[in-house]
Amino acid sequence: VEDFTNDRLIGELSKFNIYRSNSKSGPWELINSLNVGEVNDDNLYEFIDEDESFKLGETKSYAVASVDEHGNESGLTNITAHKKNVKNMGWKLNRLLSDCS
């Protein structure tokens, strides 16, 4: 018997919610969403974190949740830590989203 703490997706996949945290264990803040099919010229989902309060040398964790057409959201997946090492950090979600679609 499985015990789910998050809603199951019951409709068509609609979008991906992108979350950020100061640690891999949260708390998580929703910072953006990408609709299904909203890809760049390389056919990859991409999010660029341009938050000026995210300082050089700091590490933030990112995660993605899938959302269906009814608004049901999956649990967070592919939690990944990134250290900012350039002024405007471009962060490609192709690796992070590869298991979500």
C-alpha atoms as a PDB file:
ATOM      1  CA  VAL A   1       0.000   0.000   0.000  1.00  0.00           C
ATOM      2  CA  GLU A   2       1.380   3.348  -1.034  1.00  0.00           C
ATOM      3  CA  ASP A   3       0.774   6.505   0.971  1.00  0.00           C
ATOM      4  CA  PHE A   4       0.934   9.646  -1.169  1.00  0.00           C
ATOM      5  CA  THR A   5       1.472  13.009   0.470  1.00  0.00           C
ATOM      6  CA  ASN A   6       1.000  14.956  -2.787  1.00  0.00           C
ATOM      7  CA  ASP A   7      -1.843  14.947  -5.284  1.00  0.00           C
ATOM      8  CA  ARG A   8      -1.552  12.566  -8.183  1.00  0.00           C
ATOM      9  CA  LEU A   9      -1.683  14.029 -11.639  1.00  0.00           C
ATOM     10  CA  ILE A  10      -5.007  12.980 -13.125  1.00  0.00           C
ATOM     11  CA  GLY A  11      -5.181  15.175 -16.210  1.00  0.00           C
ATOM     12  CA  GLU A  12      -2.949  16.208 -19.078  1.00  0.00           C
ATOM     13  CA  LEU A  13       0.408  17.664 -18.102  1.00  0.00           C
ATOM     14  CA  SER A  14       0.070  21.457 -18.212  1.00  0.00           C
ATOM     15  CA  LYS A  15       3.215  23.046 -16.792  1.00  0.00           C
ATOM     16  CA  PHE A  16       6.268  22.720 -14.600  1.00  0.00           C
ATOM     17  CA  ASN A  17       6.623  24.750 -11.391  1.00  0.00           C
ATOM     18  CA  ILE A  18      10.184  25.749 -10.530  1.00  0.00           C
ATOM     19  CA  TYR A  19      11.127  26.069  -6.871  1.00  0.00           C
ATOM     20  CA  ARG A  20      14.240  27.422  -5.127  1.00  0.00           C
ATOM     21  CA  SER A  21      15.526  27.044  -1.587  1.00  0.00           C
ATOM     22  CA  ASN A  22      18.613  27.874   0.448  1.00  0.00           C
ATOM     23  CA  SER A  23      18.968  24.162   1.257  1.00  0.00           C
ATOM     24  CA  LYS A  24      18.012  20.838  -0.307  1.00  0.00           C
ATOM     25  CA  SER A  25      15.551  20.248   2.524  1.00  0.00           C
ATOM     26  CA  GLY A  26      13.580  23.494   2.021  1.00  0.00           C
ATOM     27  CA  PRO A  27      11.602  25.506   2.700  1.00  0.00           C
ATOM     28  CA  TRP A  28      10.811  25.945  -0.999  1.00  0.00           C
ATOM     29  CA  GLU A  29       9.685  29.079  -2.803  1.00  0.00           C
ATOM     30  CA  LEU A  30       7.845  28.969  -6.144  1.00  0.00           C
ATOM     31  CA  ILE A  31       9.874  31.244  -8.423  1.00  0.00           C
ATOM     32  CA  ASN A  32       8.552  30.511 -11.910  1.00  0.00           C
ATOM     33  CA  SER A  33       6.486  28.204 -14.105  1.00  0.00           C
ATOM     34  CA  LEU A  34       7.028  26.931 -17.633  1.00  0.00           C
ATOM     35  CA  ASN A  35       4.126  25.712 -19.745  1.00  0.00           C
ATOM     36  CA  VAL A  36       4.437  22.420 -21.573  1.00  0.00           C
ATOM     37  CA  GLY A  37       5.984  23.167 -24.959  1.00  0.00           C
ATOM     38  CA  GLU A  38       7.525  26.478 -23.811  1.00  0.00           C
ATOM     39  CA  VAL A  39      11.017  25.555 -24.984  1.00  0.00           C
ATOM     40  CA  ASN A  40      14.012  27.486 -26.318  1.00  0.00           C
ATOM     41  CA  ASP A  41      15.537  27.311 -29.812  1.00  0.00           C
ATOM     42  CA  ASP A  42      17.300  24.066 -28.861  1.00  0.00           C
ATOM     43  CA  ASN A  43      13.944  22.505 -27.895  1.00  0.00           C
ATOM     44  CA  LEU A  44      14.922  22.524 -24.200  1.00  0.00           C
ATOM     45  CA  TYR A  45      13.071  23.870 -21.200  1.00  0.00           C
ATOM     46  CA  GLU A  46      15.142  26.736 -19.838  1.00  0.00           C
ATOM     47  CA  PHE A  47      14.904  29.013 -16.822  1.00  0.00           C
ATOM     48  CA  ILE A  48      17.390  31.795 -16.144  1.00  0.00           C
ATOM     49  CA  ASP A  49      17.672  32.825 -12.514  1.00  0.00           C
ATOM     50  CA  GLU A  50      18.370  36.555 -12.574  1.00  0.00           C
ATOM     51  CA  ASP A  51      17.616  37.233  -8.913  1.00  0.00           C
ATOM     52  CA  GLU A  52      20.059  39.977  -7.902  1.00  0.00           C
ATOM     53  CA  SER A  53      19.879  38.904  -4.237  1.00  0.00           C
ATOM     54  CA  PHE A  54      21.472  35.564  -5.225  1.00  0.00           C
ATOM     55  CA  LYS A  55      25.107  36.526  -4.651  1.00  0.00           C
ATOM     56  CA  LEU A  56      28.292  35.130  -6.160  1.00  0.00           C
ATOM     57  CA  GLY A  57      29.537  32.132  -4.217  1.00  0.00           C
ATOM     58  CA  GLU A  58      26.125  31.300  -2.722  1.00  0.00           C
ATOM     59  CA  THR A  59      24.502  27.932  -3.300  1.00  0.00           C
ATOM     60  CA  LYS A  60      20.786  27.524  -3.942  1.00  0.00           C
ATOM     61  CA  SER A  61      18.785  24.368  -4.490  1.00  0.00           C
ATOM     62  CA  TYR A  62      16.248  23.992  -7.280  1.00  0.00           C
ATOM     63  CA  ALA A  63      13.438  21.526  -7.821  1.00  0.00           C
ATOM     64  CA  VAL A  64      10.612  20.975 -10.287  1.00  0.00           C
ATOM     65  CA  ALA A  65       7.030  19.840  -9.829  1.00  0.00           C
ATOM     66  CA  SER A  66       4.706  18.783 -12.633  1.00  0.00           C
ATOM     67  CA  VAL A  67       1.217  20.307 -12.734  1.00  0.00           C
ATOM     68  CA  ASP A  68      -1.758  18.884 -14.598  1.00  0.00           C
ATOM     69  CA  GLU A  69      -4.605  20.740 -16.310  1.00  0.00           C
ATOM     70  CA  HIS A  70      -6.667  20.567 -13.087  1.00  0.00           C
ATOM     71  CA  GLY A  71      -3.970  22.228 -10.976  1.00  0.00           C
ATOM     72  CA  ASN A  72      -2.840  19.032  -9.224  1.00  0.00           C
ATOM     73  CA  GLU A  73       0.870  19.229  -8.477  1.00  0.00           C
ATOM     74  CA  SER A  74       3.296  16.345  -8.117  1.00  0.00           C
ATOM     75  CA  GLY A  75       5.904  16.179  -5.413  1.00  0.00           C
ATOM     76  CA  LEU A  76       9.223  17.934  -5.973  1.00  0.00           C
ATOM     77  CA  THR A  77      11.645  16.055  -8.194  1.00  0.00           C
ATOM     78  CA  ASN A  78      15.248  16.305  -9.319  1.00  0.00           C
ATOM     79  CA  ILE A  79      16.414  18.454  -6.430  1.00  0.00           C
ATOM     80  CA  THR A  80      19.724  19.955  -7.525  1.00  0.00           C
ATOM     81  CA  ALA A  81      22.116  22.415  -5.855  1.00  0.00           C
ATOM     82  CA  HIS A  82      23.843  25.141  -7.893  1.00  0.00           C
ATOM     83  CA  LYS A  83      26.579  27.516  -6.820  1.00  0.00           C
ATOM     84  CA  LYS A  84      26.451  30.941  -8.458  1.00  0.00           C
ATOM     85  CA  ASN A  85      29.767  31.609 -10.148  1.00  0.00           C
ATOM     86  CA  VAL A  86      28.851  34.309 -12.688  1.00  0.00           C
ATOM     87  CA  LYS A  87      26.977  37.593 -12.380  1.00  0.00           C
ATOM     88  CA  ASN A  88      23.770  36.561 -14.196  1.00  0.00           C
ATOM     89  CA  MET A  89      23.351  32.850 -13.747  1.00  0.00           C
ATOM     90  CA  GLY A  90      21.756  31.042 -16.649  1.00  0.00           C
ATOM     91  CA  TRP A  91      20.380  27.731 -15.525  1.00  0.00           C
ATOM     92  CA  LYS A  92      19.129  25.202 -18.058  1.00  0.00           C
ATOM     93  CA  LEU A  93      16.418  22.882 -16.899  1.00  0.00           C
ATOM     94  CA  ASN A  94      16.850  20.336 -19.663  1.00  0.00           C
ATOM     95  CA  ARG A  95      18.631  17.919 -17.306  1.00  0.00           C
ATOM     96  CA  LEU A  96      16.310  18.681 -14.420  1.00  0.00           C
ATOM     97  CA  LEU A  97      13.158  18.291 -16.509  1.00  0.00           C
ATOM     98  CA  SER A  98      14.277  15.255 -18.496  1.00  0.00           C
ATOM     99  CA  ASP A  99      12.596  12.860 -16.060  1.00  0.00           C
ATOM    100  CA  CYS A 100       9.418  14.933 -15.746  1.00  0.00           C
ATOM    101  CA  SER A 101       8.108  14.848 -19.286  1.00  0.00           C
END
